[in-house]
N, C-alpha and C. Protein backbone atom coordinates (compact mmCIF):
# COMPACT_ATOMS: atom_id res chain seq x y z
N UNK A 1 80.02 82.80 125.67
CA UNK A 1 80.94 81.83 125.09
C UNK A 1 82.05 81.52 126.08
N UNK A 2 82.38 80.26 126.21
CA UNK A 2 83.46 79.84 127.10
C UNK A 2 84.81 80.04 126.40
N UNK A 3 85.85 80.20 127.21
CA UNK A 3 87.17 80.49 126.67
C UNK A 3 87.67 79.37 125.77
N UNK A 4 87.47 78.11 126.16
CA UNK A 4 87.99 77.01 125.35
C UNK A 4 87.33 76.98 123.97
N UNK A 5 86.05 77.32 123.91
CA UNK A 5 85.35 77.37 122.63
C UNK A 5 85.87 78.54 121.79
N UNK A 6 86.15 79.65 122.45
CA UNK A 6 86.70 80.82 121.76
C UNK A 6 88.07 80.50 121.19
N UNK A 7 88.91 79.85 121.99
CA UNK A 7 90.25 79.49 121.52
C UNK A 7 90.18 78.55 120.32
N UNK A 8 89.22 77.65 120.35
CA UNK A 8 89.06 76.69 119.25
C UNK A 8 88.60 77.37 117.97
N UNK A 9 87.97 78.53 118.10
CA UNK A 9 87.46 79.23 116.92
C UNK A 9 88.51 80.10 116.24
N UNK A 10 89.67 80.29 116.88
CA UNK A 10 90.71 81.13 116.31
C UNK A 10 91.26 80.52 115.03
N UNK A 11 91.51 81.32 114.01
CA UNK A 11 91.97 80.82 112.71
C UNK A 11 93.46 80.50 112.68
N UNK A 12 93.87 79.54 113.47
CA UNK A 12 95.27 79.14 113.47
C UNK A 12 95.38 77.63 113.50
N UNK A 13 96.30 77.12 112.71
CA UNK A 13 96.50 75.67 112.66
C UNK A 13 97.52 75.23 113.70
N UNK A 14 98.20 76.21 114.26
CA UNK A 14 99.21 75.90 115.26
C UNK A 14 98.71 76.26 116.66
N UNK A 15 99.25 75.59 117.63
CA UNK A 15 98.89 75.87 119.00
C UNK A 15 99.40 77.25 119.39
N UNK A 16 98.58 78.00 120.12
CA UNK A 16 99.01 79.31 120.57
C UNK A 16 100.25 79.20 121.45
N UNK A 17 101.13 80.18 121.33
CA UNK A 17 102.30 80.19 122.20
C UNK A 17 101.85 80.37 123.65
N UNK A 18 102.70 80.01 124.56
CA UNK A 18 102.37 80.11 125.98
C UNK A 18 102.07 81.55 126.37
N UNK A 19 102.84 82.49 125.81
CA UNK A 19 102.65 83.91 126.13
C UNK A 19 101.28 84.39 125.65
N UNK A 20 100.93 84.06 124.41
CA UNK A 20 99.65 84.51 123.87
C UNK A 20 98.49 83.87 124.62
N UNK A 21 98.65 82.62 125.02
CA UNK A 21 97.60 81.95 125.77
C UNK A 21 97.42 82.62 127.13
N UNK A 22 98.51 82.99 127.76
CA UNK A 22 98.43 83.68 129.04
C UNK A 22 97.70 85.01 128.90
N UNK A 23 98.04 85.75 127.83
CA UNK A 23 97.42 87.06 127.61
C UNK A 23 95.92 86.92 127.40
N UNK A 24 95.52 86.01 126.50
CA UNK A 24 94.09 85.83 126.22
C UNK A 24 93.32 85.34 127.44
N UNK A 25 93.91 84.43 128.17
CA UNK A 25 93.25 83.88 129.36
C UNK A 25 93.01 84.98 130.39
N UNK A 26 94.03 85.83 130.57
CA UNK A 26 93.87 86.92 131.55
C UNK A 26 92.86 87.95 131.07
N UNK A 27 92.90 88.28 129.79
CA UNK A 27 91.97 89.28 129.26
C UNK A 27 90.54 88.75 129.26
N UNK A 28 90.38 87.44 129.12
CA UNK A 28 89.04 86.85 129.12
C UNK A 28 88.39 86.98 130.48
N UNK A 29 89.23 86.91 131.53
CA UNK A 29 88.72 87.11 132.89
C UNK A 29 87.88 85.96 133.40
N UNK A 30 86.90 86.28 134.23
CA UNK A 30 86.04 85.28 134.84
C UNK A 30 84.95 84.85 133.86
N UNK A 31 84.45 83.62 133.99
CA UNK A 31 83.42 83.12 133.07
C UNK A 31 82.17 84.00 133.00
N UNK A 32 81.83 84.64 134.13
CA UNK A 32 80.60 85.46 134.14
C UNK A 32 80.85 86.93 133.78
N UNK A 33 82.09 87.29 133.42
CA UNK A 33 82.37 88.65 132.98
C UNK A 33 81.70 88.89 131.63
N UNK A 34 80.97 89.99 131.52
CA UNK A 34 80.28 90.29 130.26
C UNK A 34 81.21 91.06 129.32
N UNK A 35 80.77 91.18 128.06
CA UNK A 35 81.53 91.95 127.08
C UNK A 35 81.05 93.40 127.07
N UNK A 36 81.97 94.33 126.89
CA UNK A 36 83.41 94.12 126.82
C UNK A 36 83.96 93.70 128.18
N UNK A 37 84.99 92.90 128.13
CA UNK A 37 85.59 92.38 129.36
C UNK A 37 86.27 93.51 130.14
N UNK A 38 86.53 93.30 131.42
CA UNK A 38 87.19 94.34 132.23
C UNK A 38 88.59 94.66 131.70
N UNK A 39 89.00 95.88 131.91
CA UNK A 39 90.34 96.31 131.50
C UNK A 39 91.40 95.60 132.33
N UNK A 40 92.52 95.28 131.70
CA UNK A 40 93.67 94.71 132.40
C UNK A 40 94.87 95.59 132.07
N UNK A 41 95.56 96.05 133.10
CA UNK A 41 96.65 97.00 132.87
C UNK A 41 97.82 96.35 132.13
N UNK A 42 98.51 97.15 131.36
CA UNK A 42 99.70 96.67 130.66
C UNK A 42 100.76 96.23 131.65
N UNK A 43 100.81 96.92 132.79
CA UNK A 43 101.79 96.55 133.82
C UNK A 43 101.54 95.13 134.32
N UNK A 44 100.27 94.76 134.48
CA UNK A 44 99.94 93.41 134.93
C UNK A 44 100.29 92.38 133.86
N UNK A 45 100.01 92.71 132.61
CA UNK A 45 100.33 91.78 131.52
C UNK A 45 101.83 91.61 131.37
N UNK A 46 102.56 92.67 131.60
CA UNK A 46 104.02 92.59 131.56
C UNK A 46 104.54 91.65 132.63
N UNK A 47 104.00 91.81 133.85
CA UNK A 47 104.42 90.95 134.95
C UNK A 47 103.98 89.50 134.72
N UNK A 48 102.80 89.33 134.15
CA UNK A 48 102.27 87.99 133.90
C UNK A 48 103.11 87.23 132.88
N UNK A 49 103.49 87.89 131.80
CA UNK A 49 104.21 87.21 130.72
C UNK A 49 105.73 87.21 130.93
N UNK A 50 106.21 88.21 131.64
CA UNK A 50 107.65 88.30 131.82
C UNK A 50 108.37 88.70 130.55
N UNK A 51 107.60 89.21 129.58
CA UNK A 51 108.18 89.60 128.30
C UNK A 51 108.09 91.10 128.11
N UNK A 52 109.23 91.72 127.80
CA UNK A 52 109.28 93.16 127.61
C UNK A 52 108.38 93.60 126.46
N UNK A 53 108.26 92.73 125.45
CA UNK A 53 107.47 93.08 124.26
C UNK A 53 106.17 92.29 124.20
N UNK A 54 105.52 92.15 125.34
CA UNK A 54 104.24 91.43 125.39
C UNK A 54 103.20 92.11 124.50
N UNK A 55 103.31 93.46 124.39
CA UNK A 55 102.32 94.19 123.60
C UNK A 55 102.38 93.82 122.12
N UNK A 56 103.56 93.40 121.65
CA UNK A 56 103.67 92.94 120.27
C UNK A 56 102.88 91.65 120.09
N UNK A 57 102.97 90.77 121.07
CA UNK A 57 102.20 89.51 121.00
C UNK A 57 100.69 89.82 121.03
N UNK A 58 100.32 90.82 121.82
CA UNK A 58 98.90 91.19 121.91
C UNK A 58 98.41 91.76 120.58
N UNK A 59 99.23 92.57 119.95
CA UNK A 59 98.85 93.12 118.65
C UNK A 59 98.76 92.02 117.59
N UNK A 60 99.60 91.01 117.71
CA UNK A 60 99.54 89.89 116.78
C UNK A 60 98.25 89.11 116.96
N UNK A 61 97.79 88.98 118.20
CA UNK A 61 96.49 88.34 118.44
C UNK A 61 95.38 89.12 117.75
N UNK A 62 95.48 90.43 117.80
CA UNK A 62 94.46 91.28 117.19
C UNK A 62 94.56 91.27 115.66
N UNK A 63 95.77 91.44 115.14
CA UNK A 63 95.93 91.59 113.69
C UNK A 63 95.93 90.26 112.95
N UNK A 64 96.67 89.29 113.45
CA UNK A 64 96.84 88.04 112.73
C UNK A 64 95.71 87.05 112.96
N UNK A 65 95.12 87.09 114.16
CA UNK A 65 94.06 86.14 114.47
C UNK A 65 92.68 86.78 114.52
N UNK A 66 92.63 88.09 114.45
CA UNK A 66 91.34 88.77 114.41
C UNK A 66 90.66 88.94 115.75
N UNK A 67 91.38 88.74 116.85
CA UNK A 67 90.78 88.92 118.18
C UNK A 67 90.37 90.39 118.35
N UNK A 68 89.16 90.59 118.85
CA UNK A 68 88.64 91.95 119.00
C UNK A 68 89.16 92.54 120.30
N UNK A 69 90.40 93.01 120.25
CA UNK A 69 91.05 93.59 121.42
C UNK A 69 91.24 95.08 121.21
N UNK A 70 91.21 95.83 122.29
CA UNK A 70 91.49 97.26 122.21
C UNK A 70 92.36 97.68 123.37
N UNK A 71 93.06 98.78 123.17
CA UNK A 71 93.94 99.31 124.20
C UNK A 71 93.69 100.80 124.34
N UNK A 72 93.82 101.28 125.57
CA UNK A 72 93.58 102.70 125.82
C UNK A 72 94.26 103.10 127.12
N UNK A 73 94.56 104.38 127.24
CA UNK A 73 95.08 104.89 128.50
C UNK A 73 93.95 104.93 129.52
N UNK A 74 94.19 104.39 130.71
CA UNK A 74 93.17 104.32 131.74
C UNK A 74 93.65 105.03 133.00
N UNK A 75 92.86 105.98 133.44
CA UNK A 75 93.22 106.76 134.62
C UNK A 75 93.38 105.87 135.86
N UNK A 76 92.52 104.84 135.98
CA UNK A 76 92.57 104.01 137.18
C UNK A 76 93.89 103.24 137.33
N UNK A 77 94.58 103.05 136.19
CA UNK A 77 95.86 102.35 136.24
C UNK A 77 97.04 103.30 136.12
N UNK A 78 96.74 104.54 135.73
CA UNK A 78 97.83 105.47 135.49
C UNK A 78 98.68 105.04 134.32
N UNK A 79 98.06 104.35 133.37
CA UNK A 79 98.79 103.85 132.21
C UNK A 79 97.85 103.14 131.25
N UNK A 80 98.41 102.46 130.27
CA UNK A 80 97.59 101.79 129.28
C UNK A 80 97.10 100.42 129.75
N UNK A 81 96.02 100.00 129.13
CA UNK A 81 95.42 98.72 129.49
C UNK A 81 94.79 98.10 128.24
N UNK A 82 94.50 96.79 128.32
CA UNK A 82 93.90 96.05 127.21
C UNK A 82 92.62 95.38 127.69
N UNK A 83 91.73 95.08 126.73
CA UNK A 83 90.54 94.31 127.06
C UNK A 83 90.00 93.63 125.79
N UNK A 84 89.19 92.59 126.01
CA UNK A 84 88.50 91.92 124.92
C UNK A 84 87.15 92.61 124.76
N UNK A 85 86.87 93.10 123.55
CA UNK A 85 85.64 93.83 123.31
C UNK A 85 84.46 92.89 123.06
N UNK A 86 84.69 91.85 122.26
CA UNK A 86 83.63 90.88 121.98
C UNK A 86 84.26 89.57 121.53
N UNK A 87 83.45 88.54 121.44
CA UNK A 87 83.95 87.23 121.01
C UNK A 87 84.03 87.13 119.49
N UNK A 88 83.43 88.09 118.78
CA UNK A 88 83.45 88.06 117.33
C UNK A 88 84.86 88.32 116.80
N UNK A 89 85.22 87.59 115.76
CA UNK A 89 86.55 87.70 115.18
C UNK A 89 86.50 88.52 113.90
N UNK A 90 87.51 89.34 113.72
CA UNK A 90 87.64 90.13 112.50
C UNK A 90 88.50 89.34 111.51
N UNK A 91 88.41 89.65 110.22
CA UNK A 91 89.28 88.99 109.24
C UNK A 91 90.74 89.21 109.62
N UNK A 92 91.53 88.16 109.71
CA UNK A 92 92.94 88.31 110.11
C UNK A 92 93.74 89.08 109.08
N UNK A 93 94.72 89.82 109.56
CA UNK A 93 95.63 90.56 108.69
C UNK A 93 97.03 90.05 108.95
N UNK A 94 97.67 89.53 107.93
CA UNK A 94 99.02 89.02 108.10
C UNK A 94 99.97 90.16 108.37
N UNK A 95 100.74 90.04 109.44
CA UNK A 95 101.73 91.06 109.79
C UNK A 95 103.08 90.63 109.24
N UNK A 96 103.42 91.14 108.07
CA UNK A 96 104.70 90.83 107.47
C UNK A 96 105.76 91.78 108.00
N UNK A 97 107.00 91.33 107.98
CA UNK A 97 108.11 92.17 108.39
C UNK A 97 109.07 92.30 107.22
N UNK A 98 109.74 93.43 107.15
CA UNK A 98 110.69 93.64 106.08
C UNK A 98 111.88 92.70 106.23
N UNK A 99 112.45 92.30 105.11
CA UNK A 99 113.67 91.52 105.16
C UNK A 99 114.81 92.45 105.58
N UNK A 100 115.93 91.87 105.96
CA UNK A 100 117.05 92.67 106.41
C UNK A 100 117.52 93.62 105.31
N UNK A 101 117.55 93.13 104.08
CA UNK A 101 117.99 93.98 102.98
C UNK A 101 117.00 95.11 102.72
N UNK A 102 115.70 94.84 102.89
CA UNK A 102 114.69 95.89 102.71
C UNK A 102 114.81 96.95 103.80
N UNK A 103 115.09 96.50 105.03
CA UNK A 103 115.27 97.46 106.12
C UNK A 103 116.46 98.36 105.85
N UNK A 104 117.56 97.76 105.45
CA UNK A 104 118.77 98.54 105.18
C UNK A 104 118.51 99.57 104.08
N UNK A 105 117.80 99.15 103.03
CA UNK A 105 117.47 100.05 101.94
C UNK A 105 116.61 101.21 102.44
N UNK A 106 115.62 100.89 103.29
CA UNK A 106 114.74 101.92 103.85
C UNK A 106 115.53 102.89 104.71
N UNK A 107 116.41 102.37 105.58
CA UNK A 107 117.18 103.21 106.47
C UNK A 107 118.18 104.07 105.70
N UNK A 108 118.81 103.48 104.69
CA UNK A 108 119.78 104.23 103.90
C UNK A 108 119.11 105.37 103.13
N UNK A 109 117.89 105.11 102.66
CA UNK A 109 117.15 106.13 101.93
C UNK A 109 116.92 107.36 102.79
N UNK A 110 116.75 107.15 104.10
CA UNK A 110 116.50 108.26 105.04
C UNK A 110 117.75 108.62 105.84
N UNK A 111 118.90 108.11 105.39
CA UNK A 111 120.18 108.41 106.04
C UNK A 111 120.16 108.03 107.52
N UNK A 112 119.48 106.93 107.84
CA UNK A 112 119.38 106.41 109.21
C UNK A 112 118.81 107.45 110.18
N UNK A 113 117.90 108.28 109.68
CA UNK A 113 117.26 109.29 110.53
C UNK A 113 115.79 108.93 110.76
N UNK A 114 115.31 109.19 111.95
CA UNK A 114 113.91 108.97 112.28
C UNK A 114 113.06 109.93 111.46
N UNK A 115 112.01 109.42 110.84
CA UNK A 115 111.16 110.24 109.99
C UNK A 115 110.37 111.27 110.78
N UNK A 116 110.25 111.08 112.08
CA UNK A 116 109.46 111.99 112.91
C UNK A 116 110.32 113.05 113.61
N UNK A 117 111.31 112.62 114.37
CA UNK A 117 112.10 113.60 115.13
C UNK A 117 113.40 113.99 114.43
N UNK A 118 113.77 113.23 113.38
CA UNK A 118 114.97 113.56 112.63
C UNK A 118 116.26 113.09 113.26
N UNK A 119 116.16 112.41 114.39
CA UNK A 119 117.37 111.94 115.07
C UNK A 119 118.05 110.84 114.27
N UNK A 120 119.38 110.94 114.13
CA UNK A 120 120.15 109.91 113.45
C UNK A 120 120.57 108.86 114.46
N UNK A 121 120.25 107.61 114.18
CA UNK A 121 120.47 106.55 115.16
C UNK A 121 120.72 105.24 114.45
N UNK A 122 121.51 104.38 115.08
CA UNK A 122 121.78 103.05 114.52
C UNK A 122 120.53 102.19 114.60
N UNK A 123 120.42 101.25 113.69
CA UNK A 123 119.29 100.33 113.69
C UNK A 123 119.39 99.38 114.88
N UNK A 124 118.25 98.96 115.40
CA UNK A 124 118.25 98.01 116.51
C UNK A 124 116.97 98.10 117.31
N UNK A 125 116.83 97.19 118.27
CA UNK A 125 115.63 97.13 119.10
C UNK A 125 115.40 98.44 119.83
N UNK A 126 116.46 99.05 120.33
CA UNK A 126 116.35 100.33 121.03
C UNK A 126 116.76 101.49 120.14
N UNK A 127 116.95 101.23 118.86
CA UNK A 127 117.37 102.27 117.94
C UNK A 127 116.37 102.48 116.83
N UNK A 128 116.85 102.57 115.59
CA UNK A 128 115.99 102.80 114.44
C UNK A 128 115.22 101.53 114.09
N UNK A 129 113.91 101.69 113.84
CA UNK A 129 113.04 100.55 113.54
C UNK A 129 112.20 100.84 112.32
N UNK A 130 111.69 99.78 111.69
CA UNK A 130 110.79 99.93 110.55
C UNK A 130 109.35 99.93 111.06
N UNK A 131 108.60 100.95 110.69
CA UNK A 131 107.24 101.14 111.20
C UNK A 131 106.24 101.24 110.07
N UNK A 132 105.05 100.63 110.28
CA UNK A 132 103.95 100.83 109.35
C UNK A 132 103.43 102.26 109.52
N UNK A 133 103.42 103.04 108.45
CA UNK A 133 102.91 104.41 108.54
C UNK A 133 101.43 104.38 108.94
N UNK A 134 100.64 103.66 108.19
CA UNK A 134 99.24 103.43 108.54
C UNK A 134 99.16 102.03 109.15
N UNK A 135 98.81 101.89 110.42
CA UNK A 135 98.78 100.59 111.09
C UNK A 135 97.88 99.58 110.36
N UNK A 136 98.23 98.32 110.44
CA UNK A 136 97.41 97.28 109.84
C UNK A 136 95.99 97.33 110.41
N UNK A 137 95.89 97.65 111.70
CA UNK A 137 94.58 97.69 112.34
C UNK A 137 93.71 98.82 111.80
N UNK A 138 94.33 99.79 111.11
CA UNK A 138 93.58 100.90 110.52
C UNK A 138 93.48 100.77 109.01
N UNK A 139 93.75 99.57 108.49
CA UNK A 139 93.63 99.34 107.06
C UNK A 139 94.91 99.52 106.28
N UNK A 140 96.03 99.70 106.97
CA UNK A 140 97.31 99.85 106.29
C UNK A 140 97.76 98.55 105.66
N UNK A 141 98.71 98.66 104.74
CA UNK A 141 99.19 97.48 104.02
C UNK A 141 100.63 97.18 104.39
N UNK A 142 101.13 96.05 103.88
CA UNK A 142 102.53 95.69 104.07
C UNK A 142 103.39 96.14 102.90
N UNK A 143 102.81 96.93 101.99
CA UNK A 143 103.57 97.43 100.84
C UNK A 143 104.71 98.31 101.31
N UNK A 144 105.78 98.32 100.57
CA UNK A 144 106.98 99.07 100.97
C UNK A 144 106.69 100.55 101.16
N UNK A 145 105.73 101.07 100.40
CA UNK A 145 105.41 102.49 100.51
C UNK A 145 104.79 102.85 101.85
N UNK A 146 104.32 101.84 102.58
CA UNK A 146 103.68 102.08 103.89
C UNK A 146 104.65 101.90 105.05
N UNK A 147 105.94 101.90 104.76
CA UNK A 147 106.94 101.76 105.82
C UNK A 147 107.74 103.03 105.95
N UNK A 148 108.17 103.32 107.18
CA UNK A 148 109.02 104.47 107.45
C UNK A 148 109.97 104.14 108.59
N UNK A 149 111.13 104.77 108.65
CA UNK A 149 112.06 104.54 109.77
C UNK A 149 111.67 105.41 110.96
N UNK A 150 111.65 104.83 112.14
CA UNK A 150 111.35 105.58 113.35
C UNK A 150 112.26 105.11 114.48
N UNK A 151 112.72 106.06 115.28
CA UNK A 151 113.50 105.68 116.46
C UNK A 151 112.55 105.02 117.47
N UNK A 152 113.11 104.32 118.43
CA UNK A 152 112.30 103.58 119.38
C UNK A 152 111.35 104.49 120.15
N UNK A 153 111.84 105.65 120.58
CA UNK A 153 110.99 106.56 121.36
C UNK A 153 109.78 107.04 120.56
N UNK A 154 110.01 107.43 119.31
CA UNK A 154 108.90 107.90 118.48
C UNK A 154 107.96 106.76 118.12
N UNK A 155 108.51 105.58 117.91
CA UNK A 155 107.68 104.42 117.57
C UNK A 155 106.73 104.10 118.72
N UNK A 156 107.23 104.15 119.94
CA UNK A 156 106.39 103.91 121.10
C UNK A 156 105.33 105.01 121.22
N UNK A 157 105.74 106.25 120.99
CA UNK A 157 104.80 107.36 121.06
C UNK A 157 103.70 107.24 120.01
N UNK A 158 104.07 106.84 118.81
CA UNK A 158 103.09 106.67 117.74
C UNK A 158 102.11 105.56 118.08
N UNK A 159 102.63 104.48 118.62
CA UNK A 159 101.78 103.34 118.98
C UNK A 159 100.73 103.76 120.00
N UNK A 160 101.15 104.53 120.99
CA UNK A 160 100.21 104.99 122.02
C UNK A 160 99.18 105.95 121.42
N UNK A 161 99.66 106.82 120.51
CA UNK A 161 98.75 107.79 119.90
C UNK A 161 97.71 107.10 119.03
N UNK A 162 98.08 105.98 118.43
CA UNK A 162 97.16 105.26 117.53
C UNK A 162 96.05 104.54 118.28
N UNK A 163 96.32 104.17 119.52
CA UNK A 163 95.35 103.37 120.27
C UNK A 163 94.07 104.17 120.54
N UNK A 164 92.98 103.69 119.98
CA UNK A 164 91.69 104.34 120.17
C UNK A 164 91.48 105.57 119.30
N UNK A 165 92.45 105.90 118.45
CA UNK A 165 92.33 107.08 117.60
C UNK A 165 91.37 106.80 116.45
N UNK A 166 90.52 107.78 116.14
CA UNK A 166 89.56 107.65 115.05
C UNK A 166 89.77 108.69 113.95
N UNK A 167 90.88 109.44 114.05
CA UNK A 167 91.18 110.43 113.03
C UNK A 167 91.67 109.75 111.75
N UNK A 168 91.58 110.46 110.64
CA UNK A 168 92.09 109.93 109.37
C UNK A 168 93.61 109.88 109.42
N UNK A 169 94.18 108.72 109.13
CA UNK A 169 95.64 108.55 109.21
C UNK A 169 96.37 109.52 108.28
N UNK A 170 95.74 109.85 107.15
CA UNK A 170 96.38 110.74 106.18
C UNK A 170 96.59 112.14 106.73
N UNK A 171 95.92 112.48 107.82
CA UNK A 171 96.08 113.81 108.42
C UNK A 171 96.97 113.77 109.66
N UNK A 172 97.57 112.64 109.92
CA UNK A 172 98.35 112.44 111.15
C UNK A 172 99.83 112.69 110.92
N UNK A 173 100.43 113.48 111.80
CA UNK A 173 101.85 113.79 111.69
C UNK A 173 102.73 112.59 112.02
N UNK A 174 102.19 111.63 112.77
CA UNK A 174 102.96 110.42 113.05
C UNK A 174 103.13 109.58 111.79
N UNK A 175 102.07 109.54 110.98
CA UNK A 175 102.09 108.70 109.78
C UNK A 175 102.69 109.40 108.58
N UNK A 176 102.41 110.70 108.43
CA UNK A 176 102.88 111.44 107.28
C UNK A 176 103.53 112.75 107.69
N UNK A 177 104.64 112.69 108.44
CA UNK A 177 105.30 113.91 108.91
C UNK A 177 105.80 114.78 107.77
N UNK A 178 106.17 114.15 106.64
CA UNK A 178 106.69 114.92 105.51
C UNK A 178 105.62 115.80 104.88
N UNK A 179 104.35 115.43 105.06
CA UNK A 179 103.25 116.19 104.47
C UNK A 179 102.52 117.05 105.50
N UNK A 180 102.29 116.50 106.68
CA UNK A 180 101.50 117.18 107.71
C UNK A 180 102.35 118.07 108.61
N UNK A 181 103.61 117.66 108.80
CA UNK A 181 104.47 118.38 109.73
C UNK A 181 104.81 117.49 110.91
N UNK A 182 105.85 117.85 111.62
CA UNK A 182 106.34 117.06 112.74
C UNK A 182 105.82 117.62 114.06
N UNK A 183 105.22 116.75 114.88
CA UNK A 183 104.77 117.17 116.20
C UNK A 183 105.97 117.37 117.12
N UNK A 184 106.00 118.48 117.82
CA UNK A 184 107.09 118.73 118.75
C UNK A 184 106.57 119.56 119.91
N UNK A 185 107.35 119.62 120.97
CA UNK A 185 106.97 120.42 122.13
C UNK A 185 108.00 121.52 122.34
N UNK A 186 107.52 122.74 122.52
CA UNK A 186 108.40 123.87 122.80
C UNK A 186 107.89 124.58 124.05
N UNK A 187 108.77 125.26 124.72
CA UNK A 187 108.40 126.01 125.92
C UNK A 187 108.25 127.48 125.57
N UNK A 188 107.03 128.02 125.79
CA UNK A 188 106.79 129.45 125.59
C UNK A 188 106.00 129.98 126.78
N UNK A 189 106.03 131.27 126.97
CA UNK A 189 105.30 131.87 128.08
C UNK A 189 103.80 131.69 127.86
N UNK A 190 103.08 131.56 128.97
CA UNK A 190 101.64 131.39 128.88
C UNK A 190 100.99 132.61 128.22
N UNK A 191 101.52 133.79 128.51
CA UNK A 191 100.95 135.01 127.92
C UNK A 191 101.10 134.99 126.39
N UNK A 192 102.24 134.45 125.91
CA UNK A 192 102.44 134.34 124.46
C UNK A 192 101.46 133.34 123.86
N UNK A 193 101.25 132.24 124.55
CA UNK A 193 100.31 131.24 124.06
C UNK A 193 98.90 131.81 123.98
N UNK A 194 98.52 132.61 124.98
CA UNK A 194 97.20 133.22 124.97
C UNK A 194 97.05 134.18 123.78
N UNK A 195 98.13 134.91 123.47
CA UNK A 195 98.10 135.81 122.32
C UNK A 195 97.92 135.02 121.02
N UNK A 196 98.62 133.87 120.95
CA UNK A 196 98.51 133.02 119.76
C UNK A 196 97.08 132.51 119.61
N UNK A 197 96.50 132.09 120.74
CA UNK A 197 95.12 131.59 120.71
C UNK A 197 94.14 132.68 120.29
N UNK A 198 94.37 133.90 120.80
CA UNK A 198 93.48 135.01 120.46
C UNK A 198 93.59 135.32 118.97
N UNK A 199 94.80 135.33 118.46
CA UNK A 199 94.99 135.60 117.04
C UNK A 199 94.42 134.48 116.19
N UNK A 200 94.53 133.25 116.71
CA UNK A 200 93.96 132.10 116.00
C UNK A 200 92.45 132.26 115.86
N UNK A 201 91.82 132.72 116.93
CA UNK A 201 90.37 132.90 116.90
C UNK A 201 89.92 133.98 115.95
N UNK A 202 90.69 135.07 115.89
CA UNK A 202 90.30 136.19 115.02
C UNK A 202 90.67 135.98 113.56
N UNK A 203 91.73 135.22 113.32
CA UNK A 203 92.21 135.03 111.95
C UNK A 203 91.71 133.74 111.31
N UNK A 204 91.28 132.79 112.17
CA UNK A 204 90.84 131.50 111.65
C UNK A 204 91.99 130.57 111.33
N UNK A 205 93.19 130.98 111.67
CA UNK A 205 94.37 130.13 111.44
C UNK A 205 94.65 129.28 112.67
N UNK A 206 95.17 128.11 112.45
CA UNK A 206 95.49 127.20 113.56
C UNK A 206 96.77 127.65 114.25
N UNK A 207 96.97 127.12 115.45
CA UNK A 207 98.22 127.39 116.17
C UNK A 207 99.42 127.01 115.31
N UNK A 208 99.34 125.80 114.70
CA UNK A 208 100.45 125.31 113.89
C UNK A 208 100.77 126.28 112.75
N UNK A 209 99.72 126.76 112.09
CA UNK A 209 99.91 127.66 110.96
C UNK A 209 100.56 128.96 111.41
N UNK A 210 100.11 129.49 112.55
CA UNK A 210 100.65 130.75 113.07
C UNK A 210 102.12 130.59 113.42
N UNK A 211 102.46 129.50 114.12
CA UNK A 211 103.85 129.26 114.51
C UNK A 211 104.73 129.06 113.28
N UNK A 212 104.21 128.35 112.28
CA UNK A 212 104.96 128.10 111.06
C UNK A 212 105.25 129.42 110.33
N UNK A 213 104.23 130.28 110.23
CA UNK A 213 104.40 131.56 109.55
C UNK A 213 105.36 132.47 110.32
N UNK A 214 105.27 132.43 111.66
CA UNK A 214 106.16 133.26 112.48
C UNK A 214 107.61 132.83 112.30
N UNK A 215 107.83 131.51 112.31
CA UNK A 215 109.19 131.00 112.14
C UNK A 215 109.72 131.34 110.74
N UNK A 216 108.87 131.20 109.75
CA UNK A 216 109.28 131.50 108.37
C UNK A 216 109.66 132.98 108.24
N UNK A 217 108.86 133.85 108.84
CA UNK A 217 109.14 135.29 108.78
C UNK A 217 110.46 135.62 109.47
N UNK A 218 110.65 135.07 110.66
CA UNK A 218 111.83 135.41 111.44
C UNK A 218 113.10 134.84 110.84
N UNK A 219 113.05 133.58 110.39
CA UNK A 219 114.25 132.89 109.91
C UNK A 219 114.51 133.16 108.41
N UNK A 220 113.46 133.05 107.61
CA UNK A 220 113.68 133.13 106.15
C UNK A 220 113.61 134.54 105.59
N UNK A 221 112.92 135.45 106.29
CA UNK A 221 112.74 136.78 105.75
C UNK A 221 113.48 137.86 106.55
N UNK A 222 113.19 137.93 107.82
CA UNK A 222 113.77 138.99 108.63
C UNK A 222 115.29 138.88 108.75
N UNK A 223 115.77 137.65 108.81
CA UNK A 223 117.21 137.45 109.02
C UNK A 223 118.00 137.58 107.72
N UNK A 224 117.32 137.64 106.57
CA UNK A 224 118.03 137.74 105.29
C UNK A 224 118.59 139.16 105.11
């Protein structure tokens, strides 16, 4: 299929924005490129569009217009990249955004704290943001119950973790930290980690469970 025919098949009554047209044209590549199309680095797309949030426009192409696009970390680029998987279109999903009053209500409910890292931060592009717990691309909805406050750093981290992920969202700490637990990084000696792994193997308990029980014993029981 030629690019012009593909563009004509998109379910939009309005002309694509210049940025989205640039993204699709670059991802489409050469006429003789087969599907899936070659990967294009996010760095190149950033330079091409000149927009800091080009990835939002790319996600809108995928969610709102049904373009079969995927993103993944690629070793050859040392970063993330995008590509067109096929010319077939998926049913579009409208990406609604919360109203200002809805955002304020959501943020106030959580005391302006990120649901993942717990950091208290002002709302804004580089601050607290409203995030879909289960992404639209994974079947999530725009219902208020599917929104959570996240700081910019955690939001970016969640977005990267979601790309190419096939795990059940209900078991993900990014989507349901209040139920699954919060992902964090701590520094411990390698010998201690090996002991934890050995105990995990003999007891059948996960690393997370062992660390949780150890913390509970030390903080809630031993220190009382």
